[in-house]
Amino acid sequence: MDIDIKIIGPGCIKCLEAANTVRVMAKEHGLLVQIDKIGNTERIAEFGVLLTPAVVVDGDMKCAGQVPLASLATISYAFKASKIERDKKAAEKFYRKST
């Protein structure tokens, strides 16, 4: 299962840097991610984002108003937590099938 990541912002240089940073971090952690870029003003407002770029990982905003380098630990932790939760769910599903 891929981790759902949204990069929210108008498509400026910082938004592109945020997307590239997230992509590199995911690769370093060996995670499969689905990165969606949200640039429509109405969609940005739906997320309640006031400062861009913003990074949303599996529905939780992890960074807003800066390229995620300053929030690297937070996003890295979110990746690890998402992976652990997904592995746990997969193990539970496998166990239910085998019993």
C-alpha atoms as a PDB file:
ATOM      1  CA  MET A   1       0.000   0.000   0.000  1.00  0.00           C
ATOM      2  CA  ASP A   2       1.262   3.444  -0.876  1.00  0.00           C
ATOM      3  CA  ILE A   3       1.454   6.271   1.625  1.00  0.00           C
ATOM      4  CA  ASP A   4      -0.801   9.105   0.480  1.00  0.00           C
ATOM      5  CA  ILE A   5       1.069  12.411   0.361  1.00  0.00           C
ATOM      6  CA  LYS A   6      -0.295  15.730  -0.784  1.00  0.00           C
ATOM      7  CA  ILE A   7       1.887  18.730  -1.584  1.00  0.00           C
ATOM      8  CA  ILE A   8      -0.354  21.758  -1.268  1.00  0.00           C
ATOM      9  CA  GLY A   9       0.573  25.042  -2.890  1.00  0.00           C
ATOM     10  CA  PRO A  10       0.318  27.094  -6.068  1.00  0.00           C
ATOM     11  CA  GLY A  11       3.247  25.384  -7.804  1.00  0.00           C
ATOM     12  CA  CYS A  12       5.990  27.806  -6.859  1.00  0.00           C
ATOM     13  CA  ILE A  13       9.658  26.880  -6.485  1.00  0.00           C
ATOM     14  CA  LYS A  14       9.173  26.057  -2.783  1.00  0.00           C
ATOM     15  CA  CYS A  15       6.308  23.693  -3.660  1.00  0.00           C
ATOM     16  CA  LEU A  16       8.547  21.879  -6.138  1.00  0.00           C
ATOM     17  CA  GLU A  17      11.330  21.703  -3.542  1.00  0.00           C
ATOM     18  CA  ALA A  18       8.853  20.263  -1.012  1.00  0.00           C
ATOM     19  CA  ALA A  19       7.748  17.566  -3.471  1.00  0.00           C
ATOM     20  CA  ASN A  20      11.353  16.649  -4.292  1.00  0.00           C
ATOM     21  CA  THR A  21      12.330  16.543  -0.607  1.00  0.00           C
ATOM     22  CA  VAL A  22       9.420  14.244   0.224  1.00  0.00           C
ATOM     23  CA  ARG A  23      10.240  12.013  -2.741  1.00  0.00           C
ATOM     24  CA  VAL A  24      13.881  11.697  -1.616  1.00  0.00           C
ATOM     25  CA  MET A  25      12.897  10.973   2.006  1.00  0.00           C
ATOM     26  CA  ALA A  26      10.456   8.271   0.902  1.00  0.00           C
ATOM     27  CA  LYS A  27      13.140   6.657  -1.253  1.00  0.00           C
ATOM     28  CA  GLU A  28      15.635   6.750   1.639  1.00  0.00           C
ATOM     29  CA  HIS A  29      13.093   4.947   3.845  1.00  0.00           C
ATOM     30  CA  GLY A  30      12.237   2.459   1.089  1.00  0.00           C
ATOM     31  CA  LEU A  31       8.573   3.467   1.082  1.00  0.00           C
ATOM     32  CA  LEU A  32       6.060   3.503  -1.719  1.00  0.00           C
ATOM     33  CA  VAL A  33       4.325   6.851  -1.858  1.00  0.00           C
ATOM     34  CA  GLN A  34       1.622   8.423  -3.951  1.00  0.00           C
ATOM     35  CA  ILE A  35       2.348  12.155  -4.236  1.00  0.00           C
ATOM     36  CA  ASP A  36      -0.474  14.426  -5.365  1.00  0.00           C
ATOM     37  CA  LYS A  37       0.060  18.106  -5.970  1.00  0.00           C
ATOM     38  CA  ILE A  38      -2.863  20.323  -4.989  1.00  0.00           C
ATOM     39  CA  GLY A  39      -2.634  23.763  -6.598  1.00  0.00           C
ATOM     40  CA  ASN A  40      -6.254  24.817  -7.021  1.00  0.00           C
ATOM     41  CA  THR A  41      -7.101  27.690  -4.658  1.00  0.00           C
ATOM     42  CA  GLU A  42     -10.429  26.159  -3.664  1.00  0.00           C
ATOM     43  CA  ARG A  43      -8.821  22.794  -2.863  1.00  0.00           C
ATOM     44  CA  ILE A  44      -6.060  24.530  -0.893  1.00  0.00           C
ATOM     45  CA  ALA A  45      -8.760  26.269   1.171  1.00  0.00           C
ATOM     46  CA  GLU A  46     -10.513  22.921   1.801  1.00  0.00           C
ATOM     47  CA  PHE A  47      -7.378  21.754   3.603  1.00  0.00           C
ATOM     48  CA  GLY A  48      -7.320  24.937   5.707  1.00  0.00           C
ATOM     49  CA  VAL A  49      -3.848  25.826   4.474  1.00  0.00           C
ATOM     50  CA  LEU A  50      -2.889  29.449   5.079  1.00  0.00           C
ATOM     51  CA  LEU A  51       0.815  29.171   4.270  1.00  0.00           C
ATOM     52  CA  THR A  52       2.306  27.148   1.449  1.00  0.00           C
ATOM     53  CA  PRO A  53       3.857  24.792   0.723  1.00  0.00           C
ATOM     54  CA  ALA A  54       2.086  22.339   2.996  1.00  0.00           C
ATOM     55  CA  VAL A  55       2.714  18.597   3.249  1.00  0.00           C
ATOM     56  CA  VAL A  56      -0.098  16.219   4.215  1.00  0.00           C
ATOM     57  CA  VAL A  57       0.784  12.596   4.998  1.00  0.00           C
ATOM     58  CA  ASP A  58      -2.128  10.140   5.156  1.00  0.00           C
ATOM     59  CA  GLY A  59      -4.521  12.969   5.938  1.00  0.00           C
ATOM     60  CA  ASP A  60      -2.421  14.675   8.636  1.00  0.00           C
ATOM     61  CA  MET A  61      -0.753  18.013   7.927  1.00  0.00           C
ATOM     62  CA  LYS A  62       2.915  17.652   8.847  1.00  0.00           C
ATOM     63  CA  CYS A  63       4.390  20.865   7.533  1.00  0.00           C
ATOM     64  CA  ALA A  64       3.054  24.247   6.380  1.00  0.00           C
ATOM     65  CA  GLY A  65       4.681  27.445   5.224  1.00  0.00           C
ATOM     66  CA  GLN A  66       8.122  25.992   4.583  1.00  0.00           C
ATOM     67  CA  VAL A  67      10.039  23.428   2.611  1.00  0.00           C
ATOM     68  CA  PRO A  68       9.991  20.330   4.819  1.00  0.00           C
ATOM     69  CA  LEU A  69      13.733  20.369   5.536  1.00  0.00           C
ATOM     70  CA  ALA A  70      12.963  22.159   8.806  1.00  0.00           C
ATOM     71  CA  SER A  71      10.326  19.509   9.540  1.00  0.00           C
ATOM     72  CA  LEU A  72      12.351  16.564   8.298  1.00  0.00           C
ATOM     73  CA  ALA A  73      12.150  14.708  11.605  1.00  0.00           C
ATOM     74  CA  THR A  74       8.362  15.116  11.759  1.00  0.00           C
ATOM     75  CA  ILE A  75       7.808  13.879   8.227  1.00  0.00           C
ATOM     76  CA  SER A  76      10.333  11.073   8.652  1.00  0.00           C
ATOM     77  CA  TYR A  77       8.475   9.981  11.793  1.00  0.00           C
ATOM     78  CA  ALA A  78       5.159  10.143   9.904  1.00  0.00           C
ATOM     79  CA  PHE A  79       6.593   7.872   7.200  1.00  0.00           C
ATOM     80  CA  LYS A  80       7.801   5.368   9.772  1.00  0.00           C
ATOM     81  CA  ALA A  81       4.502   5.465  11.689  1.00  0.00           C
ATOM     82  CA  SER A  82       2.514   4.966   8.476  1.00  0.00           C
ATOM     83  CA  LYS A  83       4.718   2.032   7.492  1.00  0.00           C
ATOM     84  CA  ILE A  84       4.408   0.410  10.939  1.00  0.00           C
ATOM     85  CA  GLU A  85       0.621   0.836  10.914  1.00  0.00           C
ATOM     86  CA  ARG A  86       0.352  -0.609   7.399  1.00  0.00           C
ATOM     87  CA  ASP A  87       2.564  -3.577   8.316  1.00  0.00           C
ATOM     88  CA  LYS A  88       0.471  -4.208  11.416  1.00  0.00           C
ATOM     89  CA  LYS A  89      -2.775  -4.165   9.405  1.00  0.00           C
ATOM     90  CA  ALA A  90      -1.284  -6.510   6.805  1.00  0.00           C
ATOM     91  CA  ALA A  91      -0.182  -8.937   9.536  1.00  0.00           C
ATOM     92  CA  GLU A  92      -3.627  -8.866  11.152  1.00  0.00           C
ATOM     93  CA  LYS A  93      -5.283  -9.493   7.784  1.00  0.00           C
ATOM     94  CA  PHE A  94      -2.928 -12.401   7.088  1.00  0.00           C
ATOM     95  CA  TYR A  95      -3.543 -13.868  10.540  1.00  0.00           C
ATOM     96  CA  ARG A  96      -7.346 -13.684  10.079  1.00  0.00           C
ATOM     97  CA  LYS A  97      -7.082 -15.483   6.728  1.00  0.00           C
ATOM     98  CA  SER A  98      -4.882 -18.244   8.113  1.00  0.00           C
ATOM     99  CA  THR A  99      -7.106 -19.045  11.108  1.00  0.00           C
END
